[in-house]
Protein backbone atom coordinates (compact mmCIF):
# COMPACT_ATOMS: atom_id res chain seq x y z
CA UNK A 1 -0.20 -0.25 0.08
CA UNK A 2 2.94 2.39 0.71
CA UNK A 3 4.32 1.89 -3.23
CA UNK A 4 0.44 2.89 -4.10
CA UNK A 5 0.49 5.74 -2.08
CA UNK A 6 3.73 6.85 -3.26
CA UNK A 7 3.01 6.87 -6.68
CA UNK A 8 -0.14 8.44 -6.07
CA UNK A 9 -2.45 5.21 -7.23
CA UNK A 10 -5.68 5.04 -5.74
CA UNK A 11 -7.04 1.75 -4.38
CA UNK A 12 -9.58 0.52 -2.25
CA UNK A 13 -8.44 -2.36 0.72
CA UNK A 14 -11.21 -4.99 1.29
CA UNK A 15 -10.53 -7.28 4.46
CA UNK A 16 -12.11 -10.67 5.19
CA UNK A 17 -11.60 -13.46 7.73
CA UNK A 18 -9.40 -16.03 6.55
CA UNK A 19 -8.59 -19.30 7.95
CA UNK A 20 -5.70 -21.75 7.63
CA UNK A 21 -7.61 -24.46 6.02
CA UNK A 22 -8.60 -22.14 2.72
CA UNK A 23 -5.83 -19.91 1.88
CA UNK A 24 -6.76 -19.83 -2.00
CA UNK A 25 -8.25 -17.20 -3.81
CA UNK A 26 -11.34 -18.44 -4.57
CA UNK A 27 -12.13 -18.79 -0.69
CA UNK A 28 -11.04 -15.32 -0.31
CA UNK A 29 -13.11 -13.93 -2.92
CA UNK A 30 -16.05 -15.80 -1.27
CA UNK A 31 -15.33 -14.79 2.38
CA UNK A 32 -14.86 -11.03 1.11
CA UNK A 33 -17.95 -11.16 -0.87
CA UNK A 34 -16.04 -10.09 -3.96
CA UNK A 35 -16.71 -10.89 -7.82
CA UNK A 36 -14.66 -13.97 -8.43
CA UNK A 37 -13.70 -13.06 -11.70
CA UNK A 38 -12.14 -10.28 -10.49
CA UNK A 39 -9.93 -11.43 -7.81
CA UNK A 40 -6.39 -12.20 -8.95
CA UNK A 41 -3.98 -14.39 -7.16
CA UNK A 42 -0.21 -14.28 -7.56
CA UNK A 43 1.89 -17.19 -8.44
CA UNK A 44 5.61 -17.45 -8.42
CA UNK A 45 7.54 -19.78 -10.80
CA UNK A 46 11.25 -20.35 -11.63
CA UNK A 47 13.07 -21.50 -14.79
CA UNK A 48 15.73 -23.92 -15.34
CA UNK A 49 18.45 -20.94 -15.46
CA UNK A 50 16.96 -20.17 -11.49
CA UNK A 51 15.20 -16.94 -12.83
CA UNK A 52 11.99 -15.92 -10.89
CA UNK A 53 8.80 -14.68 -12.40
CA UNK A 54 5.39 -13.57 -10.85
CA UNK A 55 2.20 -14.07 -12.52
CA UNK A 56 -0.80 -12.51 -11.50
CA UNK A 57 -4.30 -14.29 -13.00
CA UNK A 58 -7.98 -14.47 -11.75
CA UNK A 59 -8.46 -17.17 -9.11
CA UNK A 60 -10.23 -19.66 -11.04
CA UNK A 61 -7.58 -20.12 -13.74
CA UNK A 62 -4.44 -21.83 -14.06
CA UNK A 63 -1.21 -21.07 -15.93
CA UNK A 64 -0.11 -22.93 -19.30
CA UNK A 65 3.38 -23.90 -18.91
CA UNK A 66 4.09 -23.83 -22.41
CA UNK A 67 2.38 -20.05 -22.75
CA UNK A 68 4.67 -18.97 -19.26
CA UNK A 69 7.51 -20.50 -21.44
CA UNK A 70 6.95 -18.38 -24.07
CA UNK A 71 6.13 -15.45 -22.47
CA UNK A 72 9.54 -15.82 -20.23
CA UNK A 73 11.54 -17.04 -22.59
CA UNK A 74 12.29 -20.33 -20.44
CA UNK A 75 13.35 -24.15 -21.78
CA UNK A 76 11.71 -25.17 -18.39
CA UNK A 77 9.47 -23.51 -15.60
CA UNK A 78 7.94 -24.59 -12.75
CA UNK A 79 6.29 -23.44 -9.16
CA UNK A 80 8.72 -22.64 -6.43
CA UNK A 81 8.37 -24.61 -3.41
CA UNK A 82 5.52 -23.28 -0.77
CA UNK A 83 8.63 -23.27 1.90
CA UNK A 84 10.46 -21.07 -0.46
CA UNK A 85 7.93 -18.56 -0.51
CA UNK A 86 8.31 -16.18 2.54
CA UNK A 87 12.45 -16.37 1.87
CA UNK A 88 12.28 -15.23 -2.05
CA UNK A 89 9.00 -12.95 -1.60
CA UNK A 90 8.75 -11.75 1.92
CA UNK A 91 5.17 -13.13 1.71
CA UNK A 92 3.55 -16.14 2.90
CA UNK A 93 1.31 -18.43 1.31
CA UNK A 94 -2.38 -16.72 1.20
CA UNK A 95 -0.74 -13.49 1.42
CA UNK A 96 1.31 -13.08 -1.38
CA UNK A 97 0.91 -9.91 -3.70
CA UNK A 98 2.64 -8.53 -6.92
CA UNK A 99 3.64 -5.50 -5.31
CA UNK A 100 6.35 -5.03 -2.95
CA UNK A 101 8.50 -8.28 -3.08
CA UNK A 102 11.79 -8.35 -1.44
CA UNK A 103 13.33 -8.30 -5.22
CA UNK A 104 11.49 -7.02 -8.41
CA UNK A 105 11.12 -9.82 -10.82
CA UNK A 106 9.52 -10.11 -13.94
CA UNK A 107 5.77 -9.84 -13.60
CA UNK A 108 3.24 -10.51 -15.68
CA UNK A 109 -0.96 -9.72 -15.20
CA UNK A 110 -2.97 -11.73 -17.34
CA UNK A 111 -4.57 -9.73 -20.31
CA UNK A 112 -7.95 -10.60 -19.04
CA UNK A 113 -7.23 -7.80 -16.47
CA UNK A 114 -7.66 -5.27 -19.44
CA UNK A 115 -11.56 -6.09 -19.46
CA UNK A 116 -11.86 -5.47 -16.00
CA UNK A 117 -12.38 -1.60 -14.71
CA UNK A 118 -10.89 -2.77 -11.33
CA UNK A 119 -9.31 -6.15 -10.12
CA UNK A 120 -8.41 -7.36 -6.60
CA UNK A 121 -4.95 -8.71 -5.71
CA UNK A 122 -3.89 -9.43 -2.58
CA UNK A 123 -2.74 -6.59 0.00
CA UNK A 124 0.41 -8.80 1.36
CA UNK A 125 -0.91 -10.50 4.28
CA UNK A 126 -3.70 -12.65 4.78
CA UNK A 127 -7.18 -11.52 4.87
CA UNK A 128 -6.35 -8.29 2.71
CA UNK A 129 -7.29 -7.46 -0.68
CA UNK A 130 -6.65 -4.67 -2.49
CA UNK A 131 -9.01 -3.27 -5.54
CA UNK A 132 -7.25 -1.60 -8.15
CA UNK A 133 -7.33 -0.53 -11.70
CA UNK A 134 -5.19 -3.08 -13.98
CA UNK A 135 -3.19 -0.34 -15.66
CA UNK A 136 -2.22 1.09 -12.10
CA UNK A 137 -1.11 -2.42 -10.84
CA UNK A 138 1.08 -2.40 -14.28
CA UNK A 139 2.58 0.39 -13.31
CA UNK A 140 3.30 -0.26 -9.97
CA UNK A 141 4.53 -3.51 -10.22
CA UNK A 142 6.58 -2.76 -13.40
CA UNK A 143 4.89 -5.47 -15.24
CA UNK A 144 3.30 -6.47 -18.67
CA UNK A 145 -0.06 -7.82 -19.74
CA UNK A 146 0.38 -11.52 -21.25
CA UNK A 147 -1.25 -14.53 -22.34
CA UNK A 148 -0.37 -17.47 -20.12
CA UNK A 149 -3.65 -18.80 -18.76
CA UNK A 150 -4.78 -22.25 -19.23
């Protein structure tokens, strides 16, 4: 949120009750009473050269490995282990945001976001969603739109 404020980007915070058994974005959308198609999850992947990439996509979709390889120019790419998430990003599962990671990684926002006026992404902690315009998220996270949905 500090990043958004420093860039004078408007956003709205939505909070909800979370539980350890249901940390996925679909549960977050339902718990917060948000439109599922506008709730985006953040996935971190690593390629065979050990480079990390961040993907932000609608909660109900998955990543096509073939498209992710094409977008990143990677021969191989796979999810990082959940146990690595905190050390690499500064975030824990259920609270990973495309904004404010420990380091900047190449970040890709699903091109489906361009169809929405606003989308919701994690606010960096469990139980917090940020509503933001997709173009503002692109600017704040130094990301690009891409097609990588399965």
